[in-house]
Amino acid sequence: MKDWGMRAIRTFFQAFAGVMLTQMATGDYNLQEWKTWILPLLSSAIAAGCSALLNYVPKNAESNYLVDQEKEGQG
């Protein structure tokens, strides 16, 4: 898997653990209720999606940037 994908997976688990630990610390959790799992899963999925979008680099992004810089210098 690409680097951006691994970062997204790691961010998902970190966000999930953070939200669950916060719920446990406040005493606002019951592991038998589905509502207890929905908030951490949704917030973790959103965090992972943002991480993937921010870390994604297209295959030719760096090479295209260098080509554009060379063209500007020649023009």
N, C-alpha and C. Protein backbone atom coordinates (compact mmCIF):
# COMPACT_ATOMS: atom_id res chain seq x y z
N MET A 1 0.85 -1.19 0.00
CA MET A 1 0.00 0.00 0.00
C MET A 1 0.89 1.24 0.00
N LYS A 2 0.41 2.25 -0.60
CA LYS A 2 1.15 3.50 -0.70
C LYS A 2 1.27 4.18 0.65
N ASP A 3 2.18 5.12 0.74
CA ASP A 3 2.42 5.84 1.98
C ASP A 3 1.18 6.57 2.46
N TRP A 4 0.43 7.19 1.55
CA TRP A 4 -0.76 7.94 1.95
C TRP A 4 -1.83 7.02 2.51
N GLY A 5 -1.91 5.80 1.99
CA GLY A 5 -2.89 4.84 2.49
C GLY A 5 -2.55 4.36 3.89
N MET A 6 -1.27 4.10 4.12
CA MET A 6 -0.84 3.67 5.46
C MET A 6 -1.06 4.79 6.48
N ARG A 7 -0.81 6.00 6.08
CA ARG A 7 -1.04 7.13 6.99
C ARG A 7 -2.52 7.27 7.32
N ALA A 8 -3.37 7.04 6.34
CA ALA A 8 -4.82 7.14 6.57
C ALA A 8 -5.29 6.05 7.53
N ILE A 9 -4.77 4.84 7.36
CA ILE A 9 -5.14 3.74 8.26
C ILE A 9 -4.67 4.04 9.68
N ARG A 10 -3.45 4.52 9.80
CA ARG A 10 -2.91 4.86 11.13
C ARG A 10 -3.72 5.99 11.77
N THR A 11 -4.12 6.98 10.97
CA THR A 11 -4.93 8.07 11.49
C THR A 11 -6.29 7.57 11.95
N PHE A 12 -6.87 6.62 11.20
CA PHE A 12 -8.16 6.06 11.59
C PHE A 12 -8.08 5.42 12.98
N PHE A 13 -7.07 4.58 13.20
CA PHE A 13 -6.94 3.91 14.49
C PHE A 13 -6.63 4.89 15.62
N GLN A 14 -5.81 5.88 15.34
CA GLN A 14 -5.50 6.87 16.37
C GLN A 14 -6.74 7.68 16.75
N ALA A 15 -7.52 8.09 15.76
CA ALA A 15 -8.73 8.87 16.04
C ALA A 15 -9.75 8.01 16.78
N PHE A 16 -9.90 6.76 16.36
CA PHE A 16 -10.84 5.86 17.03
C PHE A 16 -10.47 5.66 18.49
N ALA A 17 -9.19 5.41 18.74
CA ALA A 17 -8.74 5.22 20.12
C ALA A 17 -8.93 6.50 20.93
N GLY A 18 -8.65 7.65 20.35
CA GLY A 18 -8.80 8.91 21.05
C GLY A 18 -10.24 9.20 21.45
N VAL A 19 -11.17 8.95 20.53
CA VAL A 19 -12.58 9.21 20.83
C VAL A 19 -13.10 8.21 21.86
N MET A 20 -12.73 6.94 21.72
CA MET A 20 -13.18 5.93 22.68
C MET A 20 -12.63 6.21 24.08
N LEU A 21 -11.35 6.57 24.17
CA LEU A 21 -10.76 6.87 25.47
C LEU A 21 -11.40 8.10 26.10
N THR A 22 -11.74 9.07 25.28
CA THR A 22 -12.41 10.26 25.80
C THR A 22 -13.79 9.90 26.34
N GLN A 23 -14.52 9.06 25.61
CA GLN A 23 -15.83 8.63 26.09
C GLN A 23 -15.71 7.85 27.40
N MET A 24 -14.69 7.00 27.49
CA MET A 24 -14.49 6.23 28.71
C MET A 24 -14.13 7.12 29.89
N ALA A 25 -13.32 8.13 29.64
CA ALA A 25 -12.89 9.03 30.70
C ALA A 25 -14.05 9.86 31.24
N THR A 26 -14.99 10.20 30.39
CA THR A 26 -16.14 10.99 30.83
C THR A 26 -17.25 10.12 31.42
N GLY A 27 -17.12 8.81 31.27
CA GLY A 27 -18.14 7.91 31.78
C GLY A 27 -19.37 7.83 30.90
N ASP A 28 -19.26 8.35 29.68
CA ASP A 28 -20.39 8.41 28.75
C ASP A 28 -20.27 7.31 27.70
N TYR A 29 -20.24 6.06 28.16
CA TYR A 29 -20.16 4.98 27.20
C TYR A 29 -20.84 3.72 27.74
N ASN A 30 -21.38 2.96 26.83
CA ASN A 30 -21.96 1.66 27.12
C ASN A 30 -21.67 0.83 25.88
N LEU A 31 -20.80 -0.15 25.99
CA LEU A 31 -20.33 -0.88 24.82
C LEU A 31 -21.41 -1.72 24.15
N GLN A 32 -22.55 -1.92 24.80
CA GLN A 32 -23.63 -2.67 24.18
C GLN A 32 -24.51 -1.80 23.28
N GLU A 33 -24.43 -0.51 23.38
CA GLU A 33 -25.25 0.38 22.56
C GLU A 33 -24.52 0.76 21.27
N TRP A 34 -25.27 0.79 20.17
CA TRP A 34 -24.66 1.12 18.88
C TRP A 34 -24.22 2.56 18.81
N LYS A 35 -24.87 3.45 19.56
CA LYS A 35 -24.50 4.87 19.53
C LYS A 35 -23.08 5.09 20.05
N THR A 36 -22.65 4.21 20.94
CA THR A 36 -21.31 4.31 21.48
C THR A 36 -20.26 4.09 20.40
N TRP A 37 -20.56 3.26 19.41
CA TRP A 37 -19.60 2.93 18.36
C TRP A 37 -19.71 3.84 17.14
N ILE A 38 -20.88 4.43 16.91
CA ILE A 38 -21.09 5.23 15.70
C ILE A 38 -20.24 6.50 15.70
N LEU A 39 -20.25 7.26 16.78
CA LEU A 39 -19.48 8.51 16.84
C LEU A 39 -17.99 8.27 16.61
N PRO A 40 -17.36 7.32 17.31
CA PRO A 40 -15.94 7.07 17.04
C PRO A 40 -15.67 6.59 15.62
N LEU A 41 -16.53 5.73 15.09
CA LEU A 41 -16.30 5.24 13.73
C LEU A 41 -16.45 6.35 12.69
N LEU A 42 -17.47 7.17 12.84
CA LEU A 42 -17.66 8.27 11.88
C LEU A 42 -16.54 9.30 11.96
N SER A 43 -16.20 9.70 13.17
CA SER A 43 -15.14 10.70 13.31
C SER A 43 -13.80 10.14 12.85
N SER A 44 -13.55 8.87 13.08
CA SER A 44 -12.31 8.25 12.63
C SER A 44 -12.27 8.15 11.11
N ALA A 45 -13.39 7.81 10.51
CA ALA A 45 -13.45 7.72 9.05
C ALA A 45 -13.23 9.09 8.40
N ILE A 46 -13.80 10.12 8.99
CA ILE A 46 -13.60 11.48 8.47
C ILE A 46 -12.15 11.89 8.61
N ALA A 47 -11.54 11.60 9.76
CA ALA A 47 -10.13 11.94 9.96
C ALA A 47 -9.24 11.18 8.99
N ALA A 48 -9.52 9.90 8.77
CA ALA A 48 -8.73 9.11 7.83
C ALA A 48 -8.89 9.61 6.40
N GLY A 49 -10.10 9.98 6.03
CA GLY A 49 -10.32 10.53 4.69
C GLY A 49 -9.58 11.83 4.47
N CYS A 50 -9.60 12.70 5.47
CA CYS A 50 -8.85 13.96 5.38
C CYS A 50 -7.35 13.69 5.28
N SER A 51 -6.88 12.72 6.06
CA SER A 51 -5.46 12.37 6.01
C SER A 51 -5.07 11.85 4.63
N ALA A 52 -5.91 11.00 4.06
CA ALA A 52 -5.63 10.45 2.73
C ALA A 52 -5.61 11.55 1.68
N LEU A 53 -6.56 12.47 1.75
CA LEU A 53 -6.60 13.56 0.77
C LEU A 53 -5.39 14.48 0.89
N LEU A 54 -5.00 14.78 2.11
CA LEU A 54 -3.88 15.69 2.32
C LEU A 54 -2.53 15.06 1.97
N ASN A 55 -2.42 13.74 2.10
CA ASN A 55 -1.15 13.07 1.85
C ASN A 55 -1.03 12.46 0.46
N TYR A 56 -2.14 12.46 -0.30
CA TYR A 56 -2.10 11.87 -1.63
C TYR A 56 -1.32 12.76 -2.58
N VAL A 57 -0.39 12.15 -3.29
CA VAL A 57 0.40 12.86 -4.30
C VAL A 57 0.29 12.05 -5.59
N PRO A 58 -0.23 12.65 -6.66
CA PRO A 58 -0.31 11.92 -7.92
C PRO A 58 1.06 11.44 -8.38
N LYS A 59 1.07 10.39 -9.21
CA LYS A 59 2.32 9.77 -9.64
C LYS A 59 3.29 10.76 -10.29
N ASN A 60 2.81 11.61 -11.15
CA ASN A 60 3.67 12.49 -11.92
C ASN A 60 3.69 13.92 -11.38
N ALA A 61 3.25 14.13 -10.17
CA ALA A 61 3.16 15.50 -9.64
C ALA A 61 4.54 16.15 -9.55
N GLU A 62 5.52 15.43 -9.02
CA GLU A 62 6.85 16.02 -8.87
C GLU A 62 7.52 16.21 -10.22
N SER A 63 7.39 15.24 -11.10
CA SER A 63 8.03 15.37 -12.41
C SER A 63 7.37 16.48 -13.22
N ASN A 64 6.05 16.64 -13.11
CA ASN A 64 5.37 17.72 -13.82
C ASN A 64 5.81 19.08 -13.28
N TYR A 65 6.00 19.18 -11.99
CA TYR A 65 6.46 20.42 -11.38
C TYR A 65 7.84 20.79 -11.90
N LEU A 66 8.72 19.81 -12.00
CA LEU A 66 10.07 20.10 -12.50
C LEU A 66 10.04 20.50 -13.97
N VAL A 67 9.19 19.86 -14.76
CA VAL A 67 9.08 20.21 -16.18
C VAL A 67 8.55 21.63 -16.32
N ASP A 68 7.55 22.00 -15.52
CA ASP A 68 7.01 23.37 -15.56
C ASP A 68 8.06 24.39 -15.17
N GLN A 69 8.89 24.07 -14.18
CA GLN A 69 9.94 24.99 -13.75
C GLN A 69 10.98 25.18 -14.85
N GLU A 70 11.30 24.12 -15.57
CA GLU A 70 12.27 24.22 -16.66
C GLU A 70 11.71 25.06 -17.80
N LYS A 71 10.43 24.91 -18.10
CA LYS A 71 9.81 25.68 -19.17
C LYS A 71 9.78 27.16 -18.83
N GLU A 72 9.52 27.50 -17.58
CA GLU A 72 9.51 28.89 -17.17
C GLU A 72 10.90 29.51 -17.30
N GLY A 73 11.92 28.73 -16.99
CA GLY A 73 13.28 29.24 -17.09
C GLY A 73 13.73 29.45 -18.52
N GLN A 74 13.20 28.67 -19.46
CA GLN A 74 13.58 28.80 -20.85
C GLN A 74 12.80 29.89 -21.57
N GLY A 75 11.60 30.21 -21.05
CA GLY A 75 10.71 31.15 -21.74
C GLY A 75 11.08 32.54 -21.57
